[in-house]
N, C-alpha and C. Protein backbone atom coordinates (compact mmCIF):
# COMPACT_ATOMS: atom_id res chain seq x y z
N MET A 1 -22.83 50.30 24.78
CA MET A 1 -22.02 51.95 23.87
C MET A 1 -20.54 51.82 24.68
N VAL A 2 -20.83 52.17 25.95
CA VAL A 2 -19.42 52.35 27.07
C VAL A 2 -18.22 51.10 26.63
N ALA A 3 -18.79 50.29 26.11
CA ALA A 3 -18.03 48.69 26.06
C ALA A 3 -17.22 48.71 24.34
N ILE A 4 -18.30 49.35 23.42
CA ILE A 4 -17.46 49.46 22.11
C ILE A 4 -16.24 50.85 22.72
N LYS A 5 -17.13 51.74 23.07
CA LYS A 5 -15.66 53.38 23.11
C LYS A 5 -14.74 52.31 23.86
N GLU A 6 -14.60 51.09 24.86
CA GLU A 6 -13.73 51.43 25.28
C GLU A 6 -12.57 50.59 24.80
N LEU A 7 -13.22 49.60 23.63
CA LEU A 7 -12.60 48.99 22.75
C LEU A 7 -11.77 49.18 22.07
N ILE A 8 -12.66 50.48 20.96
CA ILE A 8 -12.19 51.44 20.33
C ILE A 8 -10.28 51.86 21.31
N THR A 9 -10.68 52.36 22.14
CA THR A 9 -9.70 53.28 22.64
C THR A 9 -8.75 52.46 23.28
N SER A 10 -9.15 51.20 23.02
CA SER A 10 -8.17 50.16 23.34
C SER A 10 -6.78 49.80 22.17
N PRO A 11 -5.70 49.66 22.42
CA PRO A 11 -4.32 48.94 21.49
C PRO A 11 -4.68 48.34 21.29
N VAL A 12 -5.53 47.16 22.33
CA VAL A 12 -5.44 45.67 22.04
C VAL A 12 -6.31 45.49 20.57
N PHE A 13 -7.43 45.96 20.52
CA PHE A 13 -8.14 46.64 18.88
C PHE A 13 -7.87 46.57 18.23
N TRP A 14 -6.74 48.25 18.16
CA TRP A 14 -5.77 48.37 16.68
C TRP A 14 -5.28 47.37 16.61
N PHE A 15 -4.43 46.74 17.17
CA PHE A 15 -3.14 45.65 16.76
C PHE A 15 -3.64 44.32 16.36
N ALA A 16 -5.12 44.28 16.75
CA ALA A 16 -5.58 43.05 16.98
C ALA A 16 -6.38 43.10 15.12
N SER A 17 -7.22 43.89 15.01
CA SER A 17 -7.64 44.34 13.85
C SER A 17 -7.42 44.99 12.80
N VAL A 18 -6.91 46.05 12.53
CA VAL A 18 -6.11 47.03 11.58
C VAL A 18 -4.67 45.88 11.48
N ILE A 19 -2.99 46.31 12.36
CA ILE A 19 -2.01 45.51 12.13
C ILE A 19 -2.44 44.05 11.95
N VAL A 20 -3.11 43.22 12.57
CA VAL A 20 -2.77 42.33 11.92
C VAL A 20 -3.49 41.88 10.09
N ALA A 21 -4.18 42.68 10.16
CA ALA A 21 -5.18 42.69 8.59
C ALA A 21 -4.64 43.56 8.02
N PHE A 22 -3.28 44.62 8.12
CA PHE A 22 -2.08 44.38 7.42
C PHE A 22 -1.07 43.58 6.70
N PHE A 23 -0.39 42.80 7.96
CA PHE A 23 -0.09 41.85 7.59
C PHE A 23 -0.33 40.64 6.77
N MET A 24 -1.82 40.43 7.38
CA MET A 24 -2.24 39.72 6.41
C MET A 24 -2.26 40.16 4.56
N SER A 25 -2.81 40.88 4.71
CA SER A 25 -3.18 41.44 3.43
C SER A 25 -1.61 41.70 2.41
N PHE A 26 -0.77 41.90 3.89
CA PHE A 26 0.76 42.13 2.78
C PHE A 26 1.03 40.63 2.41
N PHE A 27 1.11 39.72 3.51
CA PHE A 27 1.82 38.23 3.17
C PHE A 27 0.97 37.51 2.07
N ALA A 28 -0.44 38.36 2.11
CA ALA A 28 -1.41 37.43 0.85
C ALA A 28 -1.07 37.67 -0.67
N SER A 29 -0.26 38.78 -0.81
CA SER A 29 -0.22 38.99 -2.08
C SER A 29 0.98 38.44 -2.70
N PHE A 30 2.28 38.20 -1.69
CA PHE A 30 2.76 37.03 -1.89
C PHE A 30 3.32 35.81 -2.10
N ALA A 31 1.90 35.20 -1.35
CA ALA A 31 1.36 34.09 -0.97
C ALA A 31 1.18 33.84 -2.61
N LYS A 32 -0.23 34.41 -3.19
CA LYS A 32 -0.94 34.56 -4.11
C LYS A 32 -0.19 34.67 -5.66
N ASP A 33 1.18 35.35 -5.47
CA ASP A 33 2.17 35.25 -6.55
C ASP A 33 2.71 33.56 -6.67
N TRP A 34 3.44 33.27 -5.42
CA TRP A 34 3.75 32.04 -5.19
C TRP A 34 2.84 30.65 -5.51
N THR A 35 1.41 31.00 -5.24
CA THR A 35 0.56 29.94 -6.07
C THR A 35 0.32 29.95 -7.07
N GLU A 36 0.58 30.94 -7.63
CA GLU A 36 0.27 30.88 -9.05
C GLU A 36 1.55 30.50 -9.89
N ARG A 37 2.54 30.96 -9.36
CA ARG A 37 3.99 30.54 -10.03
C ARG A 37 3.84 28.89 -9.70
N PHE A 38 3.30 28.65 -8.55
CA PHE A 38 3.37 26.80 -8.10
C PHE A 38 2.25 25.79 -9.10
N ILE A 39 0.99 26.79 -9.19
CA ILE A 39 0.27 25.69 -10.41
C ILE A 39 1.02 26.17 -11.83
N LYS A 40 1.16 27.45 -11.91
CA LYS A 40 1.68 27.19 -13.45
C LYS A 40 2.93 26.52 -13.59
N SER A 41 3.98 26.14 -12.88
CA SER A 41 4.55 25.41 -12.89
C SER A 41 4.34 24.39 -13.50
N LYS A 42 3.39 23.11 -12.11
CA LYS A 42 2.77 21.94 -12.65
C LYS A 42 1.58 21.55 -13.30
N SER A 43 1.33 23.09 -13.80
CA SER A 43 0.36 22.96 -15.30
C SER A 43 0.95 22.59 -16.55
N ILE A 44 2.52 23.10 -16.50
CA ILE A 44 3.71 22.73 -17.17
C ILE A 44 4.31 21.39 -17.54
N LYS A 45 4.35 20.72 -16.40
CA LYS A 45 4.15 19.60 -16.33
C LYS A 45 3.58 18.84 -16.48
N LYS A 46 2.00 18.88 -16.70
CA LYS A 46 1.60 17.54 -16.43
C LYS A 46 1.11 17.83 -18.28
N ILE A 47 0.78 19.07 -18.51
CA ILE A 47 0.92 19.18 -20.36
C ILE A 47 2.42 18.59 -21.11
N GLU A 48 3.38 18.30 -20.35
CA GLU A 48 4.58 18.22 -20.95
C GLU A 48 4.70 16.61 -20.85
N ALA A 49 4.23 15.87 -19.65
CA ALA A 49 3.72 15.15 -19.43
C ALA A 49 2.38 14.21 -20.25
N ALA A 50 1.35 14.48 -20.93
CA ALA A 50 0.90 14.62 -21.25
C ALA A 50 1.43 14.17 -23.06
N LYS A 51 1.95 15.49 -24.05
CA LYS A 51 2.38 15.09 -24.50
C LYS A 51 3.21 14.24 -25.14
N ALA A 52 4.17 13.63 -23.55
CA ALA A 52 5.54 12.54 -23.60
C ALA A 52 4.18 10.95 -24.04
N ARG A 53 3.38 11.01 -23.16
CA ARG A 53 2.92 10.47 -23.19
C ARG A 53 1.71 9.76 -24.76
N GLN A 54 1.37 11.28 -25.16
CA GLN A 54 0.89 10.74 -26.54
C GLN A 54 1.78 10.54 -27.43
N LYS A 55 3.12 10.39 -27.29
CA LYS A 55 4.15 10.24 -28.11
C LYS A 55 4.94 9.01 -28.50
N ASN A 56 4.60 8.61 -26.78
CA ASN A 56 4.61 7.57 -26.59
C ASN A 56 3.78 6.45 -27.02
N PHE A 57 2.81 6.56 -27.32
CA PHE A 57 1.78 6.16 -27.59
C PHE A 57 2.00 5.87 -29.44
N GLU A 58 2.28 7.12 -29.48
CA GLU A 58 2.02 7.27 -30.89
C GLU A 58 3.37 6.20 -31.15
N LEU A 59 4.92 6.01 -30.70
CA LEU A 59 5.48 5.40 -31.18
C LEU A 59 5.16 3.68 -31.03
N LYS A 60 4.43 3.24 -30.06
CA LYS A 60 3.89 2.03 -30.20
C LYS A 60 3.24 1.48 -31.58
N VAL A 61 2.68 1.83 -32.01
CA VAL A 61 1.11 1.96 -32.42
C VAL A 61 1.94 1.86 -33.79
N ASP A 62 2.62 3.15 -34.69
CA ASP A 62 3.59 2.69 -35.15
C ASP A 62 4.35 1.48 -35.72
N LYS A 63 4.95 1.42 -34.07
CA LYS A 63 5.77 0.24 -34.16
C LYS A 63 4.96 -1.17 -34.36
N LEU A 64 3.92 -1.45 -34.10
CA LEU A 64 2.83 -2.32 -34.42
C LEU A 64 2.33 -2.47 -36.05
N LYS A 65 2.01 -1.38 -36.20
CA LYS A 65 1.43 -0.82 -37.74
C LYS A 65 2.86 -1.52 -38.82
N ASP A 66 4.28 -1.02 -38.44
CA ASP A 66 5.50 -1.46 -39.24
C ASP A 66 5.35 -3.10 -39.55
N ASN A 67 5.22 -3.92 -37.76
CA ASN A 67 5.78 -4.61 -37.64
C ASN A 67 4.50 -5.98 -37.21
N PRO A 68 3.72 -6.42 -37.64
CA PRO A 68 2.69 -6.68 -37.35
C PRO A 68 2.69 -8.03 -36.67
N ALA A 69 3.54 -8.88 -36.75
CA ALA A 69 4.29 -10.06 -35.55
C ALA A 69 4.15 -9.39 -34.17
N LEU A 70 3.92 -7.86 -34.11
CA LEU A 70 4.25 -7.93 -32.50
C LEU A 70 2.56 -8.25 -31.96
N ILE A 71 1.95 -7.71 -32.98
CA ILE A 71 0.33 -7.43 -32.20
C ILE A 71 0.43 -9.23 -31.65
N SER A 72 0.89 -10.24 -31.78
CA SER A 72 0.18 -11.21 -31.12
C SER A 72 1.22 -10.85 -29.64
N ILE A 73 2.16 -10.74 -29.80
CA ILE A 73 2.77 -10.40 -28.63
C ILE A 73 2.28 -9.41 -27.16
N TYR A 74 1.96 -8.34 -27.90
CA TYR A 74 0.69 -7.46 -27.15
C TYR A 74 -0.47 -7.83 -27.10
N GLN A 75 -1.58 -8.90 -27.76
CA GLN A 75 -2.09 -9.17 -27.38
C GLN A 75 -2.12 -10.67 -25.98
N ASN A 76 -0.69 -11.43 -25.95
CA ASN A 76 -0.57 -12.17 -24.68
C ASN A 76 -0.34 -11.50 -23.44
N ASN A 77 0.47 -9.73 -23.28
CA ASN A 77 0.75 -9.30 -22.44
C ASN A 77 -0.82 -8.86 -21.99
N ILE A 78 -1.81 -8.62 -23.30
CA ILE A 78 -2.99 -8.03 -22.47
C ILE A 78 -3.92 -8.74 -21.64
N VAL A 79 -3.91 -10.34 -21.88
CA VAL A 79 -4.03 -11.49 -21.00
C VAL A 79 -3.10 -11.71 -19.90
N TYR A 80 -1.81 -11.61 -20.24
CA TYR A 80 -0.88 -11.43 -19.04
C TYR A 80 -2.01 -10.51 -17.85
N GLN A 81 -1.56 -9.16 -18.19
CA GLN A 81 -2.50 -8.19 -17.58
C GLN A 81 -3.22 -8.10 -16.68
N LYS A 82 -4.43 -8.82 -17.50
CA LYS A 82 -5.41 -9.02 -17.52
C LYS A 82 -5.40 -9.96 -16.05
N MET A 83 -4.93 -11.59 -16.05
CA MET A 83 -4.62 -11.90 -15.38
C MET A 83 -3.58 -11.39 -13.78
N ARG A 84 -2.82 -11.23 -13.57
CA ARG A 84 -2.73 -9.66 -12.90
C ARG A 84 -3.20 -8.76 -12.18
N GLN A 85 -4.07 -8.40 -12.75
CA GLN A 85 -5.23 -7.51 -12.29
C GLN A 85 -6.21 -7.77 -11.95
N VAL A 86 -6.50 -9.19 -12.03
CA VAL A 86 -8.35 -9.99 -11.76
C VAL A 86 -7.66 -10.83 -9.89
N LEU A 87 -5.86 -10.94 -9.93
CA LEU A 87 -5.03 -11.78 -8.75
C LEU A 87 -5.53 -10.21 -7.65
N TYR A 88 -4.34 -9.53 -8.32
CA TYR A 88 -4.88 -8.33 -7.40
C TYR A 88 -6.19 -7.77 -6.95
N TYR A 89 -7.06 -7.74 -7.41
CA TYR A 89 -8.39 -7.52 -6.91
C TYR A 89 -8.52 -8.53 -5.88
N THR A 90 -8.62 -10.29 -6.22
CA THR A 90 -8.91 -10.92 -5.95
C THR A 90 -8.15 -11.01 -4.10
N VAL A 91 -6.92 -10.52 -4.57
CA VAL A 91 -5.85 -10.25 -2.73
C VAL A 91 -7.10 -9.09 -1.97
N THR A 92 -7.70 -8.37 -3.03
CA THR A 92 -7.59 -7.42 -2.59
C THR A 92 -8.57 -7.45 -1.46
N LEU A 93 -10.16 -8.47 -2.44
CA LEU A 93 -11.86 -8.86 -1.58
C LEU A 93 -10.84 -9.32 -0.16
N VAL A 94 -9.93 -10.34 -0.39
CA VAL A 94 -10.21 -11.21 0.83
C VAL A 94 -9.72 -10.34 1.90
N PHE A 95 -8.18 -9.54 1.59
CA PHE A 95 -7.81 -8.93 2.56
C PHE A 95 -9.59 -7.87 3.47
N MET A 96 -10.69 -7.40 2.46
CA MET A 96 -11.48 -6.67 2.83
C MET A 96 -12.77 -7.68 3.44
N ALA A 97 -12.47 -9.11 3.04
CA ALA A 97 -13.14 -9.62 3.40
C ALA A 97 -12.56 -10.34 5.17
N LEU A 98 -11.73 -10.63 5.15
CA LEU A 98 -10.57 -10.83 6.62
C LEU A 98 -11.01 -9.31 7.34
N SER A 99 -11.21 -8.42 7.42
CA SER A 99 -10.94 -6.71 7.59
C SER A 99 -13.14 -6.88 8.03
N LEU A 100 -13.38 -7.11 7.74
CA LEU A 100 -14.99 -7.08 8.18
C LEU A 100 -15.26 -8.55 8.64
N ASN A 101 -14.07 -9.52 9.03
CA ASN A 101 -14.32 -10.47 9.40
C ASN A 101 -14.17 -10.12 10.94
N SER A 102 -12.58 -9.62 11.05
CA SER A 102 -12.24 -8.74 12.14
C SER A 102 -13.43 -7.82 13.11
N ALA A 103 -13.46 -6.96 11.89
CA ALA A 103 -14.76 -5.93 13.36
C ALA A 103 -15.94 -6.37 13.67
N ALA A 104 -16.43 -7.81 12.31
CA ALA A 104 -17.79 -8.83 13.13
C ALA A 104 -17.49 -8.99 14.35
N SER A 105 -15.88 -9.61 14.73
CA SER A 105 -15.30 -9.93 16.30
C SER A 105 -14.88 -9.12 17.17
N PHE A 106 -15.22 -7.17 16.56
CA PHE A 106 -14.89 -7.24 17.62
C PHE A 106 -13.49 -7.12 17.72
N ASN A 107 -12.72 -7.37 16.81
CA ASN A 107 -11.12 -7.26 16.98
C ASN A 107 -10.67 -6.15 15.84
N PHE A 108 -10.68 -4.70 16.22
CA PHE A 108 -10.58 -4.00 15.33
C PHE A 108 -9.20 -3.00 15.19
N PHE A 109 -8.23 -3.12 16.01
CA PHE A 109 -6.64 -3.78 15.16
C PHE A 109 -6.81 -4.17 14.22
N ALA A 110 -6.94 -5.84 14.22
CA ALA A 110 -6.94 -6.47 13.06
C ALA A 110 -7.94 -5.99 11.93
N ALA A 111 -8.82 -5.35 12.25
CA ALA A 111 -9.99 -5.27 11.10
C ALA A 111 -8.73 -3.71 10.10
N ALA A 112 -8.52 -2.84 11.23
CA ALA A 112 -8.05 -1.89 10.11
C ALA A 112 -6.38 -2.18 9.87
N ILE A 113 -5.63 -3.14 10.20
CA ILE A 113 -4.35 -3.72 9.22
C ILE A 113 -4.73 -4.43 8.58
N THR A 114 -5.71 -4.96 8.24
CA THR A 114 -5.81 -6.29 7.31
C THR A 114 -6.87 -5.33 5.83
N GLY A 115 -7.42 -4.30 6.78
CA GLY A 115 -8.32 -2.94 5.40
C GLY A 115 -7.18 -2.33 4.78
N VAL A 116 -6.30 -1.83 5.70
CA VAL A 116 -5.01 -0.69 5.37
C VAL A 116 -4.51 -1.74 4.48
N PHE A 117 -4.19 -3.06 4.24
CA PHE A 117 -3.30 -4.03 3.78
C PHE A 117 -3.46 -4.01 2.20
N GLY A 118 -5.28 -4.10 2.55
CA GLY A 118 -6.18 -4.33 1.40
C GLY A 118 -5.95 -3.42 0.26
N LEU A 119 -6.47 -2.23 1.32
CA LEU A 119 -6.73 -0.46 0.68
C LEU A 119 -5.23 -0.68 -0.47
N PHE A 120 -3.75 -0.84 0.45
CA PHE A 120 -2.60 -0.19 -0.25
C PHE A 120 -2.33 -1.17 -1.54
N ILE A 121 -2.55 -2.83 -1.15
CA ILE A 121 -2.69 -3.66 -2.30
C ILE A 121 -3.72 -2.41 -3.76
N PHE A 122 -4.76 -2.51 -3.40
CA PHE A 122 -5.65 -2.34 -4.11
C PHE A 122 -5.26 -0.60 -5.03
N LEU A 123 -4.78 0.05 -4.09
CA LEU A 123 -4.53 1.62 -4.68
C LEU A 123 -2.26 1.26 -5.70
N THR A 124 -1.71 0.21 -5.33
CA THR A 124 -0.60 0.12 -5.45
C THR A 124 -0.67 -1.03 -7.27
N LYS A 125 -0.17 -1.69 -6.37
CA LYS A 125 -0.44 -2.73 -7.88
C LYS A 125 -1.74 -2.28 -8.45
N GLY A 126 -2.88 -3.41 -7.85
CA GLY A 126 -4.35 -2.70 -8.62
C GLY A 126 -4.22 -2.12 -9.71
N LYS A 127 -3.93 -0.63 -8.93
CA LYS A 127 -3.99 0.23 -9.94
C LYS A 127 -3.03 0.57 -10.84
N SER A 128 -2.12 0.26 -11.09
CA SER A 128 -0.94 0.71 -11.77
C SER A 128 -0.75 -0.82 -12.98
N VAL A 129 -1.68 -1.84 -12.07
CA VAL A 129 -2.02 -2.90 -13.79
C VAL A 129 -2.54 -2.55 -14.70
N SER A 130 -3.69 -1.61 -14.08
CA SER A 130 -5.01 -1.53 -14.59
C SER A 130 -4.71 -0.47 -15.59
N GLY A 131 -3.83 0.70 -15.37
CA GLY A 131 -3.06 2.12 -16.58
C GLY A 131 -2.32 0.85 -17.35
N ASP A 132 -1.83 0.38 -17.24
CA ASP A 132 -0.51 -0.91 -18.46
C ASP A 132 -1.76 -1.34 -18.70
N LEU A 133 -2.46 -1.69 -18.50
CA LEU A 133 -3.60 -2.72 -18.86
C LEU A 133 -4.70 -2.15 -20.57
N TYR A 134 -5.32 -0.67 -19.60
CA TYR A 134 -5.72 0.18 -20.77
C TYR A 134 -5.07 1.19 -21.72
N GLU A 135 -3.79 0.80 -21.51
CA GLU A 135 -2.39 1.82 -22.11
C GLU A 135 -2.46 0.47 -23.46
N LEU A 136 -2.81 -1.25 -22.82
CA LEU A 136 -2.07 -2.13 -24.48
C LEU A 136 -3.50 -2.30 -24.88
N ILE A 137 -4.32 -2.47 -24.00
CA ILE A 137 -6.01 -2.22 -25.13
C ILE A 137 -5.68 -1.22 -26.37
N ALA A 138 -6.11 0.44 -25.63
CA ALA A 138 -5.72 1.54 -26.26
C ALA A 138 -4.96 1.39 -27.77
N VAL A 139 -3.45 0.69 -27.70
CA VAL A 139 -2.56 0.38 -28.58
C VAL A 139 -2.93 -0.76 -29.95
N ILE A 140 -3.58 -1.78 -29.16
CA ILE A 140 -3.67 -3.26 -30.10
C ILE A 140 -5.66 -2.42 -30.51
N ASN A 141 -6.19 -2.14 -30.35
CA ASN A 141 -7.57 -0.87 -31.11
C ASN A 141 -6.81 -0.26 -31.89
N GLU A 142 -6.40 0.32 -31.26
CA GLU A 142 -5.79 1.67 -32.98
C GLU A 142 -4.87 1.01 -33.96
N VAL A 143 -4.60 -0.54 -33.23
CA VAL A 143 -3.51 -0.33 -34.86
C VAL A 143 -4.62 -1.42 -35.94
N LEU A 144 -5.23 -2.41 -35.21
CA LEU A 144 -6.12 -3.46 -35.67
C LEU A 144 -6.58 -2.63 -36.51
N PRO A 145 -7.35 -3.14 -37.48
CA PRO A 145 -7.87 -2.18 -38.63
C PRO A 145 -9.37 -2.00 -38.85
N ASP A 146 -10.14 -3.15 -38.14
CA ASP A 146 -11.01 -2.46 -38.50
C ASP A 146 -12.08 -1.77 -36.90
N ASP A 147 -13.21 -1.58 -36.83
CA ASP A 147 -14.00 -0.47 -36.00
C ASP A 147 -14.28 -1.40 -34.76
N GLU A 148 -14.21 -2.24 -34.92
CA GLU A 148 -14.58 -3.40 -33.61
C GLU A 148 -13.79 -3.26 -32.14
N PHE A 149 -13.27 -3.09 -31.44
CA PHE A 149 -13.00 -3.13 -29.87
C PHE A 149 -12.69 -4.61 -29.97
N HIS A 150 -11.63 -5.04 -29.38
CA HIS A 150 -10.77 -6.25 -29.36
C HIS A 150 -11.30 -6.83 -27.99
N PHE A 151 -10.67 -5.58 -26.89
CA PHE A 151 -10.60 -5.30 -26.01
C PHE A 151 -10.52 -4.36 -25.26
N LYS A 152 -11.93 -5.21 -24.11
CA LYS A 152 -12.54 -3.91 -23.70
C LYS A 152 -12.60 -3.83 -22.46
N GLY A 153 -11.35 -4.41 -21.72
CA GLY A 153 -10.96 -4.24 -20.30
C GLY A 153 -11.55 -4.81 -19.22
């Protein structure tokens, strides 16, 4: 009980609990306003980007419906992008296999380097090619008149 009485009468207690709590509450109100504005601006940008992607998609579909000769070019581009995707995934798997081999040989520096390179190739080139490929597939499947999916990815 004596320790509690000494703590309450100590200016350190008041500074640590009351004054710091007041400043934290004061700055939290500014942080709340700032984070709300930040999230709102990011949401607006995402909505605008989604609308732009949808408009671009519809323009491509309209262009292919107007000129059916372009469908074969898009289909060739799908095959090309699929080959690129397989190439990047193969390179990624080779790097991961080299990384595992280096780790099994207790060469952890080489394992980390090859693992990072494999992950870098997968996350940059592999994912960007996949995005392009899925967009092309969606356009072709939208343009062709029957209900079948011609390219599944």
